[in-house]
Amino acid sequence: MILLQLLWSFIQIGLFSFGGGYAALPLIQQQVVHVHGWLTVQEFADVLTISQMTPGPIALNAASFVGTRMAGIPGAIIATVGNVLPSLVIVLFLAWIYFRFRTLRAMKGILFGLRPAVVALIASAGLSILFLALFGAQRLPDSIEQVSWYAIGVFLAGFVLMRIRKINPIHVILGSGILTVIASLVGVPI
């Protein structure tokens, strides 16, 4: 039964994941955390962290991790296939449509209209992850004591290093990991 639930959940996610892996994050969170309760919000954030650090698309990595957690290797395979199957069918169909009708004004209008919706999905997922990383919840904290100043410092440092200094993201990830290990060893509240 769990394999069918994984397949159906990730088919739904794959079917509505317009805009790529990051746009799928709210859909994955809805299915995995809220609908089925397979993971807590914190566990979901951990899965996303691991999914971002491993090679491959984030949505497929997340499907593999969730599938493994729920039903082992068969679960990982079923969740991944469920996630890919709708995209494969849709992309094949859209490629045919696009190459056949790409010069039509309506086609250009449709693509233009989809862009803002995709950006909104990505921004929504990004804000959820940002709030979870900085405040331990998906909303602003009720009091200043709930704020992780360490997490805010690491976030700001990473943001500045990548956006302003153009440091390689791999170096930022490794540096923040090493810094966090050192901070936890010396007793800095994290």
C-alpha atoms as a PDB file:
ATOM      1  CA  MET A   1       0.000   0.000   0.000  1.00  0.00           C
ATOM      2  CA  ILE A   2       2.828   2.416   0.846  1.00  0.00           C
ATOM      3  CA  LEU A   3       4.370   1.866  -2.598  1.00  0.00           C
ATOM      4  CA  LEU A   4       1.097   2.869  -4.275  1.00  0.00           C
ATOM      5  CA  GLN A   5       0.834   5.930  -2.022  1.00  0.00           C
ATOM      6  CA  LEU A   6       4.419   6.908  -2.882  1.00  0.00           C
ATOM      7  CA  LEU A   7       3.775   6.404  -6.590  1.00  0.00           C
ATOM      8  CA  TRP A   8       0.540   8.406  -6.605  1.00  0.00           C
ATOM      9  CA  SER A   9       1.952  11.211  -4.436  1.00  0.00           C
ATOM     10  CA  PHE A  10       5.028  11.659  -6.602  1.00  0.00           C
ATOM     11  CA  ILE A  11       3.030  11.378  -9.831  1.00  0.00           C
ATOM     12  CA  GLN A  12       0.950  14.311  -8.545  1.00  0.00           C
ATOM     13  CA  ILE A  13       4.113  16.213  -7.640  1.00  0.00           C
ATOM     14  CA  GLY A  14       5.689  15.475 -11.018  1.00  0.00           C
ATOM     15  CA  LEU A  15       2.493  16.424 -12.818  1.00  0.00           C
ATOM     16  CA  PHE A  16       2.348  19.921 -11.297  1.00  0.00           C
ATOM     17  CA  SER A  17       6.063  20.743 -10.904  1.00  0.00           C
ATOM     18  CA  PHE A  18       6.218  23.457 -13.517  1.00  0.00           C
ATOM     19  CA  GLY A  19       9.457  25.400 -13.243  1.00  0.00           C
ATOM     20  CA  GLY A  20      11.806  22.657 -12.102  1.00  0.00           C
ATOM     21  CA  GLY A  21      12.860  21.127  -8.822  1.00  0.00           C
ATOM     22  CA  TYR A  22      12.674  24.213  -6.626  1.00  0.00           C
ATOM     23  CA  ALA A  23       9.152  24.948  -7.823  1.00  0.00           C
ATOM     24  CA  ALA A  24       8.235  21.385  -6.768  1.00  0.00           C
ATOM     25  CA  LEU A  25       9.330  21.917  -3.160  1.00  0.00           C
ATOM     26  CA  PRO A  26       5.993  23.282  -1.891  1.00  0.00           C
ATOM     27  CA  LEU A  27       4.220  20.373  -3.580  1.00  0.00           C
ATOM     28  CA  ILE A  28       6.602  17.819  -2.067  1.00  0.00           C
ATOM     29  CA  GLN A  29       6.236  19.423   1.347  1.00  0.00           C
ATOM     30  CA  GLN A  30       2.443  19.390   1.081  1.00  0.00           C
ATOM     31  CA  GLN A  31       2.332  15.683   0.196  1.00  0.00           C
ATOM     32  CA  VAL A  32       5.131  14.421   2.429  1.00  0.00           C
ATOM     33  CA  VAL A  33       4.574  16.540   5.545  1.00  0.00           C
ATOM     34  CA  HIS A  34       0.963  17.709   5.555  1.00  0.00           C
ATOM     35  CA  VAL A  35      -1.057  15.109   3.623  1.00  0.00           C
ATOM     36  CA  HIS A  36       0.680  11.872   4.608  1.00  0.00           C
ATOM     37  CA  GLY A  37       2.747  12.880   7.638  1.00  0.00           C
ATOM     38  CA  TRP A  38       5.669  10.795   6.414  1.00  0.00           C
ATOM     39  CA  LEU A  39       8.154  13.422   7.620  1.00  0.00           C
ATOM     40  CA  THR A  40       8.090  16.257  10.114  1.00  0.00           C
ATOM     41  CA  VAL A  41       8.896  19.768   8.914  1.00  0.00           C
ATOM     42  CA  GLN A  42      12.376  19.451  10.421  1.00  0.00           C
ATOM     43  CA  GLU A  43      12.974  16.085   8.738  1.00  0.00           C
ATOM     44  CA  PHE A  44      11.766  17.586   5.455  1.00  0.00           C
ATOM     45  CA  ALA A  45      14.273  20.429   5.835  1.00  0.00           C
ATOM     46  CA  ASP A  46      17.005  17.844   6.459  1.00  0.00           C
ATOM     47  CA  VAL A  47      15.975  15.931   3.322  1.00  0.00           C
ATOM     48  CA  LEU A  48      16.127  19.171   1.317  1.00  0.00           C
ATOM     49  CA  THR A  49      19.565  19.958   2.699  1.00  0.00           C
ATOM     50  CA  ILE A  50      20.866  16.527   1.727  1.00  0.00           C
ATOM     51  CA  SER A  51      19.073  16.721  -1.638  1.00  0.00           C
ATOM     52  CA  GLN A  52      20.786  20.014  -2.421  1.00  0.00           C
ATOM     53  CA  MET A  53      24.203  18.671  -1.493  1.00  0.00           C
ATOM     54  CA  THR A  54      23.972  15.518  -3.622  1.00  0.00           C
ATOM     55  CA  PRO A  55      24.332  15.519  -7.399  1.00  0.00           C
ATOM     56  CA  GLY A  56      21.154  15.576  -9.437  1.00  0.00           C
ATOM     57  CA  PRO A  57      17.858  17.439  -9.501  1.00  0.00           C
ATOM     58  CA  ILE A  58      16.572  18.363  -6.061  1.00  0.00           C
ATOM     59  CA  ALA A  59      13.051  17.003  -6.628  1.00  0.00           C
ATOM     60  CA  LEU A  60      14.374  13.610  -7.743  1.00  0.00           C
ATOM     61  CA  ASN A  61      16.813  13.467  -4.850  1.00  0.00           C
ATOM     62  CA  ALA A  62      14.028  14.344  -2.422  1.00  0.00           C
ATOM     63  CA  ALA A  63      11.787  11.659  -3.970  1.00  0.00           C
ATOM     64  CA  SER A  64      14.574   9.107  -3.590  1.00  0.00           C
ATOM     65  CA  PHE A  65      15.213  10.047   0.040  1.00  0.00           C
ATOM     66  CA  VAL A  66      11.521  10.040   0.972  1.00  0.00           C
ATOM     67  CA  GLY A  67      10.955   6.752  -0.856  1.00  0.00           C
ATOM     68  CA  THR A  68      13.930   5.177   0.907  1.00  0.00           C
ATOM     69  CA  ARG A  69      12.699   6.397   4.267  1.00  0.00           C
ATOM     70  CA  MET A  70       9.225   4.989   3.730  1.00  0.00           C
ATOM     71  CA  ALA A  71       9.881   1.705   1.885  1.00  0.00           C
ATOM     72  CA  GLY A  72      13.594   1.175   1.337  1.00  0.00           C
ATOM     73  CA  ILE A  73      15.083   0.771  -2.129  1.00  0.00           C
ATOM     74  CA  PRO A  74      11.767  -0.215  -3.780  1.00  0.00           C
ATOM     75  CA  GLY A  75      10.231   2.948  -2.305  1.00  0.00           C
ATOM     76  CA  ALA A  76      13.059   5.065  -3.698  1.00  0.00           C
ATOM     77  CA  ILE A  77      12.596   3.566  -7.157  1.00  0.00           C
ATOM     78  CA  ILE A  78       8.795   3.961  -7.106  1.00  0.00           C
ATOM     79  CA  ALA A  79       8.917   7.568  -5.819  1.00  0.00           C
ATOM     80  CA  THR A  80      11.554   8.537  -8.375  1.00  0.00           C
ATOM     81  CA  VAL A  81       9.671   6.904 -11.262  1.00  0.00           C
ATOM     82  CA  GLY A  82       6.460   8.571 -10.073  1.00  0.00           C
ATOM     83  CA  ASN A  83       8.198  11.938 -10.065  1.00  0.00           C
ATOM     84  CA  VAL A  84       9.729  11.505 -13.531  1.00  0.00           C
ATOM     85  CA  LEU A  85       6.866   9.843 -15.401  1.00  0.00           C
ATOM     86  CA  PRO A  86       4.517  12.849 -15.762  1.00  0.00           C
ATOM     87  CA  SER A  87       7.405  15.116 -16.769  1.00  0.00           C
ATOM     88  CA  LEU A  88       8.568  12.661 -19.393  1.00  0.00           C
ATOM     89  CA  VAL A  89       5.122  12.420 -20.974  1.00  0.00           C
ATOM     90  CA  ILE A  90       4.471  16.173 -20.721  1.00  0.00           C
ATOM     91  CA  VAL A  91       7.884  17.163 -22.113  1.00  0.00           C
ATOM     92  CA  LEU A  92       7.554  14.806 -25.066  1.00  0.00           C
ATOM     93  CA  PHE A  93       4.119  16.225 -25.840  1.00  0.00           C
ATOM     94  CA  LEU A  94       5.175  19.862 -25.315  1.00  0.00           C
ATOM     95  CA  ALA A  95       8.291  19.416 -27.442  1.00  0.00           C
ATOM     96  CA  TRP A  96       6.116  18.197 -30.276  1.00  0.00           C
ATOM     97  CA  ILE A  97       3.678  21.118 -29.787  1.00  0.00           C
ATOM     98  CA  TYR A  98       6.452  23.705 -29.430  1.00  0.00           C
ATOM     99  CA  PHE A  99       8.355  22.694 -32.540  1.00  0.00           C
ATOM    100  CA  ARG A 100       5.159  22.492 -34.517  1.00  0.00           C
ATOM    101  CA  PHE A 101       3.666  25.837 -33.352  1.00  0.00           C
ATOM    102  CA  ARG A 102       6.633  27.846 -31.992  1.00  0.00           C
ATOM    103  CA  THR A 103       6.066  30.778 -34.323  1.00  0.00           C
ATOM    104  CA  LEU A 104       2.483  31.372 -33.201  1.00  0.00           C
ATOM    105  CA  ARG A 105       1.806  34.434 -31.115  1.00  0.00           C
ATOM    106  CA  ALA A 106      -0.390  32.438 -28.696  1.00  0.00           C
ATOM    107  CA  MET A 107       2.512  30.116 -27.856  1.00  0.00           C
ATOM    108  CA  LYS A 108       4.723  33.069 -26.975  1.00  0.00           C
ATOM    109  CA  GLY A 109       1.914  34.525 -24.841  1.00  0.00           C
ATOM    110  CA  ILE A 110       1.424  31.285 -22.929  1.00  0.00           C
ATOM    111  CA  LEU A 111       5.129  31.048 -22.085  1.00  0.00           C
ATOM    112  CA  PHE A 112       5.204  34.707 -21.090  1.00  0.00           C
ATOM    113  CA  GLY A 113       2.222  34.191 -18.756  1.00  0.00           C
ATOM    114  CA  LEU A 114       3.717  31.124 -17.042  1.00  0.00           C
ATOM    115  CA  ARG A 115       6.962  32.836 -16.015  1.00  0.00           C
ATOM    116  CA  PRO A 116       5.573  34.904 -13.095  1.00  0.00           C
ATOM    117  CA  ALA A 117       3.728  31.888 -11.663  1.00  0.00           C
ATOM    118  CA  VAL A 118       6.912  29.811 -11.721  1.00  0.00           C
ATOM    119  CA  VAL A 119       8.866  32.588 -10.002  1.00  0.00           C
ATOM    120  CA  ALA A 120       6.150  32.782  -7.316  1.00  0.00           C
ATOM    121  CA  LEU A 121       6.420  29.022  -6.673  1.00  0.00           C
ATOM    122  CA  ILE A 122      10.204  29.222  -6.346  1.00  0.00           C
ATOM    123  CA  ALA A 123       9.993  32.279  -4.055  1.00  0.00           C
ATOM    124  CA  SER A 124       7.421  30.551  -1.854  1.00  0.00           C
ATOM    125  CA  ALA A 125       9.637  27.487  -1.452  1.00  0.00           C
ATOM    126  CA  GLY A 126      12.677  29.671  -0.821  1.00  0.00           C
ATOM    127  CA  LEU A 127      10.941  31.669   1.909  1.00  0.00           C
ATOM    128  CA  SER A 128       9.716  28.474   3.589  1.00  0.00           C
ATOM    129  CA  ILE A 129      13.223  27.064   3.658  1.00  0.00           C
ATOM    130  CA  LEU A 130      14.710  30.394   4.796  1.00  0.00           C
ATOM    131  CA  PHE A 131      12.272  30.720   7.701  1.00  0.00           C
ATOM    132  CA  LEU A 132      12.815  27.096   8.693  1.00  0.00           C
ATOM    133  CA  ALA A 133      16.603  27.485   8.615  1.00  0.00           C
ATOM    134  CA  LEU A 134      16.655  30.762  10.536  1.00  0.00           C
ATOM    135  CA  PHE A 135      13.709  30.389  12.918  1.00  0.00           C
ATOM    136  CA  GLY A 136      13.017  26.658  13.120  1.00  0.00           C
ATOM    137  CA  ALA A 137       9.462  27.198  11.828  1.00  0.00           C
ATOM    138  CA  GLN A 138       7.807  28.278   8.606  1.00  0.00           C
ATOM    139  CA  ARG A 139       6.850  31.676   9.964  1.00  0.00           C
ATOM    140  CA  LEU A 140       8.429  34.521  11.862  1.00  0.00           C
ATOM    141  CA  PRO A 141       9.182  33.741  15.514  1.00  0.00           C
ATOM    142  CA  ASP A 142       6.915  34.926  18.318  1.00  0.00           C
ATOM    143  CA  SER A 143       9.816  36.245  20.364  1.00  0.00           C
ATOM    144  CA  ILE A 144      13.429  37.309  19.842  1.00  0.00           C
ATOM    145  CA  GLU A 145      14.615  34.355  21.950  1.00  0.00           C
ATOM    146  CA  GLN A 146      13.505  31.948  19.218  1.00  0.00           C
ATOM    147  CA  VAL A 147      15.878  33.487  16.671  1.00  0.00           C
ATOM    148  CA  SER A 148      19.053  31.540  15.873  1.00  0.00           C
ATOM    149  CA  TRP A 149      21.584  34.333  15.553  1.00  0.00           C
ATOM    150  CA  TYR A 150      24.193  31.795  14.521  1.00  0.00           C
ATOM    151  CA  ALA A 151      21.997  30.661  11.588  1.00  0.00           C
ATOM    152  CA  ILE A 152      21.350  34.276  10.580  1.00  0.00           C
ATOM    153  CA  GLY A 153      25.100  34.980  10.682  1.00  0.00           C
ATOM    154  CA  VAL A 154      25.928  31.937   8.543  1.00  0.00           C
ATOM    155  CA  PHE A 155      23.128  32.842   6.111  1.00  0.00           C
ATOM    156  CA  LEU A 156      24.302  36.452   5.744  1.00  0.00           C
ATOM    157  CA  ALA A 157      27.949  35.424   5.393  1.00  0.00           C
ATOM    158  CA  GLY A 158      27.075  32.822   2.767  1.00  0.00           C
ATOM    159  CA  PHE A 159      24.837  35.270   0.924  1.00  0.00           C
ATOM    160  CA  VAL A 160      27.533  37.962   0.847  1.00  0.00           C
ATOM    161  CA  LEU A 161      30.247  35.507  -0.167  1.00  0.00           C
ATOM    162  CA  MET A 162      28.219  34.090  -3.049  1.00  0.00           C
ATOM    163  CA  ARG A 163      26.372  37.157  -4.336  1.00  0.00           C
ATOM    164  CA  ILE A 164      28.901  39.932  -3.755  1.00  0.00           C
ATOM    165  CA  ARG A 165      32.266  38.187  -3.587  1.00  0.00           C
ATOM    166  CA  LYS A 166      31.281  35.509  -6.162  1.00  0.00           C
ATOM    167  CA  ILE A 167      32.788  32.702  -4.076  1.00  0.00           C
ATOM    168  CA  ASN A 168      32.111  29.177  -5.332  1.00  0.00           C
ATOM    169  CA  PRO A 169      28.996  27.776  -3.583  1.00  0.00           C
ATOM    170  CA  ILE A 170      30.844  24.519  -2.868  1.00  0.00           C
ATOM    171  CA  HIS A 171      33.393  26.458  -0.822  1.00  0.00           C
ATOM    172  CA  VAL A 172      30.602  28.255   1.043  1.00  0.00           C
ATOM    173  CA  ILE A 173      28.849  24.953   1.856  1.00  0.00           C
ATOM    174  CA  LEU A 174      32.081  23.327   3.026  1.00  0.00           C
ATOM    175  CA  GLY A 175      33.059  26.415   5.001  1.00  0.00           C
ATOM    176  CA  SER A 176      29.704  26.674   6.760  1.00  0.00           C
ATOM    177  CA  GLY A 177      29.811  22.971   7.594  1.00  0.00           C
ATOM    178  CA  ILE A 178      33.316  23.232   9.053  1.00  0.00           C
ATOM    179  CA  LEU A 179      32.398  26.417  10.925  1.00  0.00           C
ATOM    180  CA  THR A 180      29.309  24.749  12.422  1.00  0.00           C
ATOM    181  CA  VAL A 181      31.313  21.711  13.565  1.00  0.00           C
ATOM    182  CA  ILE A 182      33.869  24.002  15.211  1.00  0.00           C
ATOM    183  CA  ALA A 183      31.142  26.158  16.772  1.00  0.00           C
ATOM    184  CA  SER A 184      29.395  23.118  18.233  1.00  0.00           C
ATOM    185  CA  LEU A 185      32.706  21.781  19.617  1.00  0.00           C
ATOM    186  CA  VAL A 186      33.470  25.048  21.421  1.00  0.00           C
ATOM    187  CA  GLY A 187      29.912  25.374  22.725  1.00  0.00           C
ATOM    188  CA  VAL A 188      28.493  28.195  20.608  1.00  0.00           C
ATOM    189  CA  PRO A 189      24.668  28.007  20.723  1.00  0.00           C
ATOM    190  CA  ILE A 190      23.490  26.939  17.282  1.00  0.00           C
END
